């Protein structure tokens, strides 16, 4: 029974890693205002710890090891780690996600980002492949490099440029909010981001 569960989970993890590897750049840019690579790993650790805790409880009850010092200690550590990481995930859901769809998708996107980052890093080290597509979109006076110093949100509030940082530009509003704009967000003189639509002239 446990072997079958591990086999199924392993297969799902491999599929998720492959999907994340393929869609890594699009996911990273479209979810940049909600969660980064570090936060994705925190959520991934929480999800894995929750699964480990359940497996430890099931096998511990079945085999009678749950009430031993080692069994109880392992289950407690897994439960505490899962609780802390899942609390962080709930914090992101409530404070950074603006729609119900984003809240539902967050655990899956975090898992894809974290898994894909590991594969991308391994490919970069072992096969000398670039972590991203190999080019910085917008280099040479287009894309994020061509964005103006001031852009405007849907209410025509001004956001001032903080600069271009590799593959994205950052802007700040008068009340201190920040937004990152990636090449994939830009269409003509508009940018569609998780923080809303921005335009310029």
N, C-alpha and C. Protein backbone atom coordinates (compact mmCIF):
# COMPACT_ATOMS: atom_id res chain seq x y z
N UNK A 1 0.83 -1.20 0.00
CA UNK A 1 0.00 0.00 0.00
C UNK A 1 0.87 1.26 0.00
N UNK A 2 1.80 1.34 0.96
CA UNK A 2 2.69 2.49 1.05
C UNK A 2 3.57 2.59 -0.18
N UNK A 3 4.03 1.42 -0.69
CA UNK A 3 4.85 1.43 -1.90
C UNK A 3 4.09 2.01 -3.09
N UNK A 4 2.80 1.66 -3.19
CA UNK A 4 1.98 2.19 -4.28
C UNK A 4 1.81 3.70 -4.17
N UNK A 5 1.60 4.18 -2.94
CA UNK A 5 1.45 5.63 -2.72
C UNK A 5 2.73 6.36 -3.11
N UNK A 6 3.87 5.81 -2.70
CA UNK A 6 5.16 6.43 -3.02
C UNK A 6 5.39 6.44 -4.53
N UNK A 7 5.03 5.35 -5.21
CA UNK A 7 5.18 5.28 -6.67
C UNK A 7 4.34 6.33 -7.37
N UNK A 8 3.08 6.46 -6.94
CA UNK A 8 2.18 7.46 -7.55
C UNK A 8 2.71 8.87 -7.29
N UNK A 9 3.10 9.15 -6.03
CA UNK A 9 3.64 10.48 -5.70
C UNK A 9 4.89 10.78 -6.51
N UNK A 10 5.76 9.77 -6.66
CA UNK A 10 6.98 9.96 -7.44
C UNK A 10 6.68 10.29 -8.89
N UNK A 11 5.69 9.61 -9.45
CA UNK A 11 5.30 9.88 -10.85
C UNK A 11 4.74 11.28 -11.00
N UNK A 12 3.90 11.68 -10.04
CA UNK A 12 3.33 13.03 -10.08
C UNK A 12 4.42 14.08 -9.97
N UNK A 13 5.39 13.86 -9.10
CA UNK A 13 6.49 14.81 -8.92
C UNK A 13 7.29 14.96 -10.20
N UNK A 14 7.57 13.85 -10.89
CA UNK A 14 8.32 13.91 -12.14
C UNK A 14 7.56 14.71 -13.19
N UNK A 15 6.25 14.46 -13.31
CA UNK A 15 5.44 15.19 -14.28
C UNK A 15 5.44 16.68 -13.96
N UNK A 16 5.28 17.02 -12.67
CA UNK A 16 5.27 18.42 -12.25
C UNK A 16 6.62 19.08 -12.55
N UNK A 17 7.71 18.37 -12.31
CA UNK A 17 9.04 18.91 -12.59
C UNK A 17 9.21 19.21 -14.07
N UNK A 18 8.73 18.32 -14.92
CA UNK A 18 8.85 18.53 -16.37
C UNK A 18 8.01 19.73 -16.81
N UNK A 19 6.77 19.81 -16.31
CA UNK A 19 5.92 20.95 -16.66
C UNK A 19 6.54 22.27 -16.17
N UNK A 20 7.04 22.25 -14.93
CA UNK A 20 7.68 23.45 -14.39
C UNK A 20 8.90 23.86 -15.18
N UNK A 21 9.69 22.87 -15.62
CA UNK A 21 10.89 23.14 -16.41
C UNK A 21 10.53 23.85 -17.71
N UNK A 22 9.44 23.40 -18.33
CA UNK A 22 9.02 23.97 -19.62
C UNK A 22 8.46 25.38 -19.45
N UNK A 23 7.65 25.59 -18.41
CA UNK A 23 6.94 26.87 -18.25
C UNK A 23 7.58 27.78 -17.20
N UNK A 24 8.84 27.50 -16.82
CA UNK A 24 9.49 28.23 -15.73
C UNK A 24 9.50 29.75 -15.95
N UNK A 25 9.93 30.21 -17.13
CA UNK A 25 10.06 31.65 -17.37
C UNK A 25 8.71 32.37 -17.30
N UNK A 26 7.68 31.77 -17.92
CA UNK A 26 6.36 32.40 -17.89
C UNK A 26 5.78 32.44 -16.48
N UNK A 27 5.95 31.36 -15.73
CA UNK A 27 5.45 31.33 -14.36
C UNK A 27 6.17 32.35 -13.49
N UNK A 28 7.50 32.39 -13.63
CA UNK A 28 8.28 33.29 -12.79
C UNK A 28 7.90 34.74 -13.03
N UNK A 29 7.70 35.11 -14.30
CA UNK A 29 7.38 36.51 -14.59
C UNK A 29 5.94 36.86 -14.22
N UNK A 30 4.99 35.96 -14.50
CA UNK A 30 3.59 36.30 -14.23
C UNK A 30 3.23 36.24 -12.75
N UNK A 31 4.00 35.51 -11.94
CA UNK A 31 3.71 35.41 -10.50
C UNK A 31 4.73 36.19 -9.66
N UNK A 32 5.54 37.04 -10.29
CA UNK A 32 6.62 37.73 -9.57
C UNK A 32 6.12 38.62 -8.44
N UNK A 33 4.95 39.22 -8.62
CA UNK A 33 4.42 40.12 -7.59
C UNK A 33 3.77 39.38 -6.43
N UNK A 34 3.63 38.05 -6.58
CA UNK A 34 2.98 37.26 -5.54
C UNK A 34 3.97 36.40 -4.78
N UNK A 35 4.81 35.68 -5.51
CA UNK A 35 5.75 34.77 -4.85
C UNK A 35 7.00 34.57 -5.71
N UNK A 36 8.13 34.46 -5.04
CA UNK A 36 9.39 34.22 -5.73
C UNK A 36 9.86 32.79 -5.53
N UNK A 37 11.11 32.53 -5.89
CA UNK A 37 11.66 31.18 -5.78
C UNK A 37 11.77 30.76 -4.31
N UNK A 38 12.26 31.67 -3.46
CA UNK A 38 12.41 31.34 -2.03
C UNK A 38 11.09 30.99 -1.38
N UNK A 39 10.07 31.80 -1.63
CA UNK A 39 8.75 31.53 -1.08
C UNK A 39 8.16 30.23 -1.61
N UNK A 40 8.48 29.93 -2.89
CA UNK A 40 8.00 28.68 -3.48
C UNK A 40 8.59 27.48 -2.74
N UNK A 41 9.87 27.58 -2.37
CA UNK A 41 10.49 26.48 -1.63
C UNK A 41 9.88 26.33 -0.24
N UNK A 42 9.53 27.44 0.40
CA UNK A 42 8.89 27.36 1.72
C UNK A 42 7.56 26.61 1.61
N UNK A 43 6.77 26.97 0.60
CA UNK A 43 5.47 26.29 0.41
C UNK A 43 5.69 24.82 0.05
N UNK A 44 6.67 24.54 -0.80
CA UNK A 44 6.96 23.15 -1.17
C UNK A 44 7.36 22.33 0.06
N UNK A 45 8.20 22.89 0.92
CA UNK A 45 8.60 22.20 2.15
C UNK A 45 7.38 21.94 3.03
N UNK A 46 6.48 22.91 3.10
CA UNK A 46 5.27 22.73 3.89
C UNK A 46 4.39 21.62 3.37
N UNK A 47 4.22 21.55 2.06
CA UNK A 47 3.38 20.51 1.46
C UNK A 47 4.01 19.13 1.65
N UNK A 48 5.33 19.04 1.43
CA UNK A 48 6.02 17.76 1.61
C UNK A 48 5.98 17.33 3.07
N UNK A 49 6.16 18.29 3.98
CA UNK A 49 6.10 17.97 5.42
C UNK A 49 4.72 17.49 5.83
N UNK A 50 3.67 18.10 5.26
CA UNK A 50 2.31 17.67 5.57
C UNK A 50 2.06 16.23 5.11
N UNK A 51 2.53 15.91 3.90
CA UNK A 51 2.39 14.54 3.39
C UNK A 51 3.20 13.57 4.25
N UNK A 52 4.43 13.98 4.62
CA UNK A 52 5.28 13.13 5.46
C UNK A 52 4.63 12.89 6.82
N UNK A 53 4.01 13.92 7.38
CA UNK A 53 3.35 13.80 8.68
C UNK A 53 2.21 12.79 8.61
N UNK A 54 1.40 12.89 7.54
CA UNK A 54 0.29 11.94 7.38
C UNK A 54 0.82 10.52 7.23
N UNK A 55 1.86 10.33 6.42
CA UNK A 55 2.43 9.00 6.22
C UNK A 55 3.01 8.45 7.53
N UNK A 56 3.67 9.32 8.29
CA UNK A 56 4.23 8.88 9.58
C UNK A 56 3.12 8.47 10.55
N UNK A 57 2.03 9.22 10.55
CA UNK A 57 0.92 8.87 11.44
C UNK A 57 0.27 7.54 11.02
N UNK A 58 0.06 7.37 9.70
CA UNK A 58 -0.58 6.14 9.22
C UNK A 58 0.29 4.93 9.50
N UNK A 59 1.57 5.03 9.12
CA UNK A 59 2.47 3.88 9.34
C UNK A 59 2.74 3.67 10.82
N UNK A 60 2.79 4.79 11.59
CA UNK A 60 3.04 4.67 13.02
C UNK A 60 1.92 3.95 13.75
N UNK A 61 0.67 4.27 13.39
CA UNK A 61 -0.48 3.59 14.00
C UNK A 61 -0.52 2.13 13.58
N UNK A 62 -0.25 1.88 12.29
CA UNK A 62 -0.34 0.51 11.77
C UNK A 62 0.75 -0.38 12.35
N UNK A 63 1.98 0.17 12.47
CA UNK A 63 3.11 -0.65 12.93
C UNK A 63 3.38 -0.49 14.42
N UNK A 64 2.66 0.40 15.08
CA UNK A 64 2.83 0.58 16.51
C UNK A 64 4.05 1.39 16.92
N UNK A 65 4.64 2.12 15.95
CA UNK A 65 5.85 2.90 16.26
C UNK A 65 5.54 4.35 16.61
N UNK A 66 4.26 4.73 16.47
CA UNK A 66 3.91 6.13 16.69
C UNK A 66 4.17 6.57 18.12
N UNK A 67 4.00 5.65 19.06
CA UNK A 67 4.15 6.02 20.46
C UNK A 67 5.57 5.82 20.98
N UNK A 68 6.49 5.45 20.09
CA UNK A 68 7.90 5.39 20.48
C UNK A 68 8.47 6.81 20.41
N UNK A 69 9.61 7.01 21.05
CA UNK A 69 10.22 8.34 21.08
C UNK A 69 10.59 8.81 19.67
N UNK A 70 11.16 7.91 18.88
CA UNK A 70 11.58 8.29 17.53
C UNK A 70 10.39 8.57 16.63
N UNK A 71 9.39 7.70 16.68
CA UNK A 71 8.21 7.87 15.83
C UNK A 71 7.44 9.14 16.16
N UNK A 72 7.22 9.38 17.45
CA UNK A 72 6.49 10.58 17.87
C UNK A 72 7.29 11.84 17.56
N UNK A 73 8.61 11.77 17.76
CA UNK A 73 9.46 12.93 17.48
C UNK A 73 9.46 13.30 16.01
N UNK A 74 9.56 12.29 15.13
CA UNK A 74 9.56 12.54 13.69
C UNK A 74 8.23 13.14 13.24
N UNK A 75 7.13 12.60 13.76
CA UNK A 75 5.80 13.11 13.41
C UNK A 75 5.62 14.54 13.90
N UNK A 76 6.13 14.84 15.11
CA UNK A 76 6.00 16.18 15.68
C UNK A 76 6.80 17.20 14.86
N UNK A 77 8.03 16.84 14.49
CA UNK A 77 8.86 17.75 13.68
C UNK A 77 8.20 18.02 12.33
N UNK A 78 7.69 16.96 11.69
CA UNK A 78 7.02 17.12 10.40
C UNK A 78 5.78 18.00 10.54
N UNK A 79 5.02 17.82 11.62
CA UNK A 79 3.81 18.60 11.84
C UNK A 79 4.13 20.07 12.09
N UNK A 80 5.16 20.36 12.88
CA UNK A 80 5.55 21.74 13.16
C UNK A 80 6.04 22.44 11.90
N UNK A 81 6.88 21.74 11.13
CA UNK A 81 7.41 22.31 9.89
C UNK A 81 6.29 22.58 8.90
N UNK A 82 5.37 21.63 8.80
CA UNK A 82 4.23 21.81 7.91
C UNK A 82 3.38 23.00 8.35
N UNK A 83 3.15 23.13 9.66
CA UNK A 83 2.31 24.22 10.18
C UNK A 83 2.91 25.58 9.87
N UNK A 84 4.23 25.74 10.10
CA UNK A 84 4.89 27.02 9.85
C UNK A 84 4.83 27.38 8.37
N UNK A 85 5.16 26.43 7.50
CA UNK A 85 5.19 26.70 6.06
C UNK A 85 3.79 26.93 5.49
N UNK A 86 2.81 26.19 5.98
CA UNK A 86 1.44 26.38 5.50
C UNK A 86 0.88 27.70 6.01
N UNK A 87 1.29 28.13 7.20
CA UNK A 87 0.90 29.46 7.69
C UNK A 87 1.43 30.55 6.76
N UNK A 88 2.68 30.38 6.30
CA UNK A 88 3.25 31.33 5.33
C UNK A 88 2.43 31.32 4.04
N UNK A 89 2.05 30.13 3.56
CA UNK A 89 1.25 30.02 2.34
C UNK A 89 -0.09 30.74 2.50
N UNK A 90 -0.74 30.58 3.66
CA UNK A 90 -2.00 31.28 3.91
C UNK A 90 -1.82 32.79 3.95
N UNK A 91 -0.68 33.22 4.52
CA UNK A 91 -0.36 34.65 4.55
C UNK A 91 -0.25 35.20 3.13
N UNK A 92 0.43 34.47 2.24
CA UNK A 92 0.56 34.90 0.84
C UNK A 92 -0.80 34.91 0.17
N UNK A 93 -1.59 33.87 0.41
CA UNK A 93 -2.92 33.79 -0.20
C UNK A 93 -3.79 34.99 0.17
N UNK A 94 -3.76 35.37 1.44
CA UNK A 94 -4.65 36.42 1.93
C UNK A 94 -4.14 37.82 1.62
N UNK A 95 -2.81 38.01 1.59
CA UNK A 95 -2.25 39.36 1.47
C UNK A 95 -1.68 39.70 0.10
N UNK A 96 -1.35 38.70 -0.72
CA UNK A 96 -0.75 39.00 -2.02
C UNK A 96 -1.61 38.57 -3.20
N UNK A 97 -2.41 37.53 -3.02
CA UNK A 97 -3.29 37.08 -4.11
C UNK A 97 -4.52 37.97 -4.16
N UNK A 98 -4.85 38.43 -5.35
CA UNK A 98 -5.99 39.34 -5.47
C UNK A 98 -7.27 38.65 -5.92
N UNK A 99 -7.19 37.43 -6.43
CA UNK A 99 -8.38 36.72 -6.89
C UNK A 99 -8.43 35.33 -6.26
N UNK A 100 -9.62 34.74 -6.26
CA UNK A 100 -9.79 33.39 -5.73
C UNK A 100 -9.02 32.38 -6.58
N UNK A 101 -8.97 32.61 -7.88
CA UNK A 101 -8.23 31.71 -8.78
C UNK A 101 -6.75 31.67 -8.41
N UNK A 102 -6.18 32.83 -8.08
CA UNK A 102 -4.77 32.89 -7.68
C UNK A 102 -4.56 32.13 -6.37
N UNK A 103 -5.50 32.25 -5.44
CA UNK A 103 -5.36 31.55 -4.15
C UNK A 103 -5.41 30.04 -4.35
N UNK A 104 -6.28 29.59 -5.24
CA UNK A 104 -6.39 28.15 -5.50
C UNK A 104 -5.15 27.63 -6.21
N UNK A 105 -4.62 28.42 -7.14
CA UNK A 105 -3.48 27.97 -7.94
C UNK A 105 -2.15 28.10 -7.21
N UNK A 106 -2.08 28.91 -6.15
CA UNK A 106 -0.81 29.21 -5.49
C UNK A 106 0.00 27.96 -5.11
N UNK A 107 -0.57 26.96 -4.43
CA UNK A 107 0.26 25.79 -4.07
C UNK A 107 0.84 25.07 -5.28
N UNK A 108 0.06 24.98 -6.35
CA UNK A 108 0.52 24.30 -7.56
C UNK A 108 1.62 25.09 -8.26
N UNK A 109 1.43 26.41 -8.34
CA UNK A 109 2.44 27.26 -8.98
C UNK A 109 3.73 27.25 -8.18
N UNK A 110 3.61 27.32 -6.84
CA UNK A 110 4.80 27.28 -5.98
C UNK A 110 5.56 25.98 -6.18
N UNK A 111 4.84 24.88 -6.25
CA UNK A 111 5.45 23.57 -6.46
C UNK A 111 6.15 23.52 -7.82
N UNK A 112 5.49 24.04 -8.86
CA UNK A 112 6.09 24.07 -10.19
C UNK A 112 7.36 24.92 -10.22
N UNK A 113 7.30 26.10 -9.59
CA UNK A 113 8.46 26.99 -9.59
C UNK A 113 9.65 26.38 -8.85
N UNK A 114 9.39 25.83 -7.67
CA UNK A 114 10.48 25.26 -6.88
C UNK A 114 11.09 24.05 -7.58
N UNK A 115 10.24 23.16 -8.09
CA UNK A 115 10.74 21.96 -8.77
C UNK A 115 11.49 22.34 -10.03
N UNK A 116 10.95 23.28 -10.79
CA UNK A 116 11.58 23.70 -12.04
C UNK A 116 12.92 24.38 -11.78
N UNK A 117 13.00 25.16 -10.68
CA UNK A 117 14.26 25.83 -10.37
C UNK A 117 15.38 24.82 -10.13
N UNK A 118 15.06 23.73 -9.44
CA UNK A 118 16.07 22.69 -9.18
C UNK A 118 16.53 22.08 -10.50
N UNK A 119 15.60 21.76 -11.38
CA UNK A 119 15.96 21.18 -12.67
C UNK A 119 16.75 22.16 -13.51
N UNK A 120 16.33 23.43 -13.53
CA UNK A 120 17.04 24.45 -14.30
C UNK A 120 18.46 24.64 -13.77
N UNK A 121 18.59 24.63 -12.45
CA UNK A 121 19.92 24.78 -11.85
C UNK A 121 20.81 23.60 -12.21
N UNK A 122 20.26 22.38 -12.14
CA UNK A 122 21.02 21.19 -12.50
C UNK A 122 21.44 21.24 -13.97
N UNK A 123 20.52 21.67 -14.85
CA UNK A 123 20.84 21.77 -16.27
C UNK A 123 21.90 22.84 -16.53
N UNK A 124 21.85 23.93 -15.75
CA UNK A 124 22.84 25.00 -15.92
C UNK A 124 24.23 24.53 -15.48
N UNK A 125 24.28 23.77 -14.38
CA UNK A 125 25.57 23.31 -13.86
C UNK A 125 26.14 22.17 -14.69
N UNK A 126 25.31 21.19 -15.00
CA UNK A 126 25.80 19.98 -15.67
C UNK A 126 25.90 20.13 -17.18
N UNK A 127 24.94 20.83 -17.79
CA UNK A 127 24.90 20.91 -19.25
C UNK A 127 25.23 22.31 -19.78
N UNK A 128 25.52 23.24 -18.87
CA UNK A 128 25.86 24.62 -19.22
C UNK A 128 24.74 25.31 -20.01
N UNK A 129 23.50 24.95 -19.67
CA UNK A 129 22.35 25.62 -20.28
C UNK A 129 22.01 26.86 -19.47
N UNK A 130 21.45 27.89 -20.11
CA UNK A 130 21.07 29.10 -19.36
C UNK A 130 19.89 28.81 -18.42
N UNK A 131 19.84 29.52 -17.29
CA UNK A 131 18.73 29.34 -16.36
C UNK A 131 17.41 29.77 -16.98
N UNK A 132 17.47 30.78 -17.86
CA UNK A 132 16.26 31.22 -18.56
C UNK A 132 16.41 30.88 -20.02
N UNK A 133 15.82 31.65 -20.87
CA UNK A 133 15.84 31.35 -22.30
C UNK A 133 17.21 31.60 -22.92
N UNK A 134 18.09 32.29 -22.19
CA UNK A 134 19.40 32.60 -22.73
C UNK A 134 19.51 34.03 -23.20
N UNK A 135 18.39 34.70 -23.35
CA UNK A 135 18.44 36.09 -23.72
C UNK A 135 17.61 36.89 -22.74
N UNK A 136 18.00 38.12 -22.53
CA UNK A 136 17.22 39.00 -21.67
C UNK A 136 16.25 39.75 -22.56
N UNK A 137 14.95 39.41 -22.47
CA UNK A 137 14.00 40.09 -23.32
C UNK A 137 14.05 41.58 -23.11
N UNK A 138 13.97 42.30 -24.18
CA UNK A 138 13.95 43.75 -24.05
C UNK A 138 15.32 44.37 -24.10
N UNK A 139 16.39 43.60 -24.31
CA UNK A 139 17.69 44.21 -24.41
C UNK A 139 17.78 44.96 -25.73
N UNK A 140 18.58 46.03 -25.75
CA UNK A 140 18.75 46.79 -26.97
C UNK A 140 17.66 47.83 -27.18
N UNK A 141 17.13 48.41 -26.11
CA UNK A 141 16.20 49.51 -26.25
C UNK A 141 14.76 49.10 -26.50
N UNK A 142 14.40 47.88 -26.20
CA UNK A 142 13.01 47.46 -26.34
C UNK A 142 12.59 46.76 -25.06
N UNK A 143 11.31 46.37 -24.99
CA UNK A 143 10.84 45.67 -23.80
C UNK A 143 10.98 46.51 -22.56
N UNK A 144 11.48 45.91 -21.47
CA UNK A 144 11.57 46.63 -20.20
C UNK A 144 12.56 47.80 -20.27
N UNK A 145 13.55 47.71 -21.16
CA UNK A 145 14.52 48.80 -21.29
C UNK A 145 13.92 50.04 -21.94
N UNK A 146 12.80 49.87 -22.64
CA UNK A 146 12.17 51.00 -23.33
C UNK A 146 11.04 51.62 -22.52
N UNK A 147 10.80 51.12 -21.32
CA UNK A 147 9.72 51.68 -20.49
C UNK A 147 10.07 53.10 -20.05
N UNK A 148 9.07 53.97 -19.95
CA UNK A 148 9.33 55.35 -19.53
C UNK A 148 9.58 55.46 -18.03
N UNK A 149 9.97 56.67 -17.61
CA UNK A 149 10.23 56.90 -16.18
C UNK A 149 8.95 56.88 -15.36
N UNK A 150 7.83 57.23 -15.98
CA UNK A 150 6.55 57.28 -15.28
C UNK A 150 5.51 56.47 -16.05
N UNK A 151 4.80 55.61 -15.33
CA UNK A 151 3.67 54.88 -15.91
C UNK A 151 2.45 55.15 -15.05
N UNK A 152 1.27 54.75 -15.55
CA UNK A 152 0.03 55.08 -14.85
C UNK A 152 -0.83 53.83 -14.69
N UNK A 153 -1.46 53.71 -13.51
CA UNK A 153 -2.33 52.56 -13.27
C UNK A 153 -3.72 52.84 -13.81
N UNK A 154 -4.69 51.95 -13.49
CA UNK A 154 -6.03 52.07 -14.04
C UNK A 154 -6.76 53.32 -13.57
N UNK A 155 -6.30 53.90 -12.44
CA UNK A 155 -6.92 55.15 -11.94
C UNK A 155 -6.09 56.37 -12.32
N UNK A 156 -5.14 56.16 -13.22
CA UNK A 156 -4.25 57.22 -13.69
C UNK A 156 -3.35 57.78 -12.59
N UNK A 157 -3.06 56.97 -11.56
CA UNK A 157 -2.07 57.35 -10.56
C UNK A 157 -0.69 57.08 -11.12
N UNK A 158 0.23 58.00 -10.87
CA UNK A 158 1.58 57.87 -11.42
C UNK A 158 2.43 56.91 -10.59
N UNK A 159 3.24 56.10 -11.27
CA UNK A 159 4.22 55.20 -10.66
C UNK A 159 5.58 55.56 -11.25
N UNK A 160 6.56 55.78 -10.39
CA UNK A 160 7.89 56.21 -10.85
C UNK A 160 8.84 55.02 -10.94
N UNK A 161 9.70 55.08 -11.94
CA UNK A 161 10.66 53.98 -12.18
C UNK A 161 11.73 53.93 -11.09
N UNK A 162 12.04 52.73 -10.63
CA UNK A 162 13.16 52.50 -9.71
C UNK A 162 14.36 51.94 -10.46
N UNK A 163 14.15 51.58 -11.73
CA UNK A 163 15.25 51.06 -12.54
C UNK A 163 14.91 49.74 -13.20
N UNK A 164 15.81 49.31 -14.07
CA UNK A 164 15.69 48.02 -14.75
C UNK A 164 16.68 47.06 -14.10
N UNK A 165 16.20 45.88 -13.73
CA UNK A 165 17.03 44.90 -13.03
C UNK A 165 17.00 43.59 -13.81
N UNK A 166 17.89 43.48 -14.79
CA UNK A 166 17.97 42.26 -15.58
C UNK A 166 16.76 42.10 -16.48
N UNK A 167 15.87 41.19 -16.12
CA UNK A 167 14.73 40.86 -16.98
C UNK A 167 13.45 41.58 -16.59
N UNK A 168 13.53 42.53 -15.64
CA UNK A 168 12.31 43.24 -15.26
C UNK A 168 12.62 44.67 -14.82
N UNK A 169 11.60 45.51 -14.88
CA UNK A 169 11.69 46.89 -14.39
C UNK A 169 10.80 47.01 -13.16
N UNK A 170 11.22 47.86 -12.23
CA UNK A 170 10.44 48.06 -11.01
C UNK A 170 9.95 49.51 -10.94
N UNK A 171 8.70 49.64 -10.48
CA UNK A 171 8.08 50.95 -10.31
C UNK A 171 7.50 51.06 -8.91
N UNK A 172 7.40 52.31 -8.43
CA UNK A 172 6.85 52.55 -7.09
C UNK A 172 5.83 53.66 -7.16
N UNK A 173 4.71 53.45 -6.44
CA UNK A 173 3.66 54.47 -6.39
C UNK A 173 3.99 55.50 -5.30
N UNK A 174 3.19 56.55 -5.25
CA UNK A 174 3.41 57.60 -4.25
C UNK A 174 3.22 57.09 -2.83
N UNK A 175 2.39 56.05 -2.65
CA UNK A 175 2.17 55.51 -1.30
C UNK A 175 3.08 54.33 -0.99
N UNK A 176 4.11 54.11 -1.80
CA UNK A 176 5.13 53.10 -1.47
C UNK A 176 4.92 51.72 -2.03
N UNK A 177 3.82 51.48 -2.74
CA UNK A 177 3.62 50.16 -3.34
C UNK A 177 4.57 49.97 -4.51
N UNK A 178 4.96 48.72 -4.74
CA UNK A 178 5.89 48.42 -5.83
C UNK A 178 5.29 47.40 -6.78
N UNK A 179 5.73 47.46 -8.03
CA UNK A 179 5.31 46.48 -9.02
C UNK A 179 6.52 46.16 -9.91
N UNK A 180 6.63 44.89 -10.30
CA UNK A 180 7.66 44.46 -11.24
C UNK A 180 7.00 44.19 -12.58
N UNK A 181 7.60 44.71 -13.64
CA UNK A 181 7.07 44.51 -14.99
C UNK A 181 8.10 43.74 -15.81
N UNK A 182 7.68 42.60 -16.33
CA UNK A 182 8.53 41.75 -17.16
C UNK A 182 8.14 41.94 -18.63
N UNK A 183 9.04 41.52 -19.52
CA UNK A 183 8.79 41.65 -20.95
C UNK A 183 7.47 40.99 -21.33
N UNK A 184 7.17 39.83 -20.72
CA UNK A 184 5.94 39.10 -21.06
C UNK A 184 4.69 39.88 -20.68
N UNK A 185 4.80 40.86 -19.76
CA UNK A 185 3.65 41.66 -19.34
C UNK A 185 3.31 42.77 -20.34
N UNK A 186 4.27 43.11 -21.21
CA UNK A 186 4.14 44.31 -22.04
C UNK A 186 3.46 43.99 -23.36
N UNK A 187 2.50 44.84 -23.71
CA UNK A 187 1.85 44.77 -25.02
C UNK A 187 1.63 46.19 -25.50
N UNK A 188 2.43 46.64 -26.45
CA UNK A 188 2.34 48.01 -26.94
C UNK A 188 2.71 48.99 -25.84
N UNK A 189 1.78 49.89 -25.52
CA UNK A 189 2.03 50.87 -24.45
C UNK A 189 1.23 50.52 -23.20
N UNK A 190 1.05 49.20 -22.99
CA UNK A 190 0.34 48.71 -21.81
C UNK A 190 1.11 47.55 -21.20
N UNK A 191 0.90 47.35 -19.90
CA UNK A 191 1.49 46.19 -19.20
C UNK A 191 0.42 45.60 -18.30
N UNK A 192 0.16 44.32 -18.49
CA UNK A 192 -0.84 43.62 -17.68
C UNK A 192 -0.10 42.82 -16.61
N UNK A 193 -0.21 43.21 -15.35
CA UNK A 193 0.49 42.55 -14.25
C UNK A 193 -0.51 42.05 -13.22
N UNK A 194 -0.01 41.32 -12.24
CA UNK A 194 -0.87 40.85 -11.15
C UNK A 194 -1.37 42.00 -10.28
N UNK A 195 -0.69 43.14 -10.37
CA UNK A 195 -1.11 44.31 -9.60
C UNK A 195 -2.08 45.19 -10.39
N UNK A 196 -2.43 44.76 -11.60
CA UNK A 196 -3.36 45.54 -12.42
C UNK A 196 -2.73 45.91 -13.75
N UNK A 197 -3.48 46.69 -14.52
CA UNK A 197 -3.01 47.15 -15.83
C UNK A 197 -2.36 48.52 -15.72
N UNK A 198 -1.25 48.69 -16.44
CA UNK A 198 -0.54 49.96 -16.45
C UNK A 198 -0.41 50.45 -17.90
N UNK A 199 -0.36 51.75 -18.08
CA UNK A 199 -0.21 52.30 -19.42
C UNK A 199 0.71 53.51 -19.38
N UNK A 200 1.14 53.93 -20.55
CA UNK A 200 2.02 55.10 -20.68
C UNK A 200 1.84 55.66 -22.07
N UNK A 201 2.40 56.86 -22.27
CA UNK A 201 2.28 57.51 -23.57
C UNK A 201 3.66 57.76 -24.14
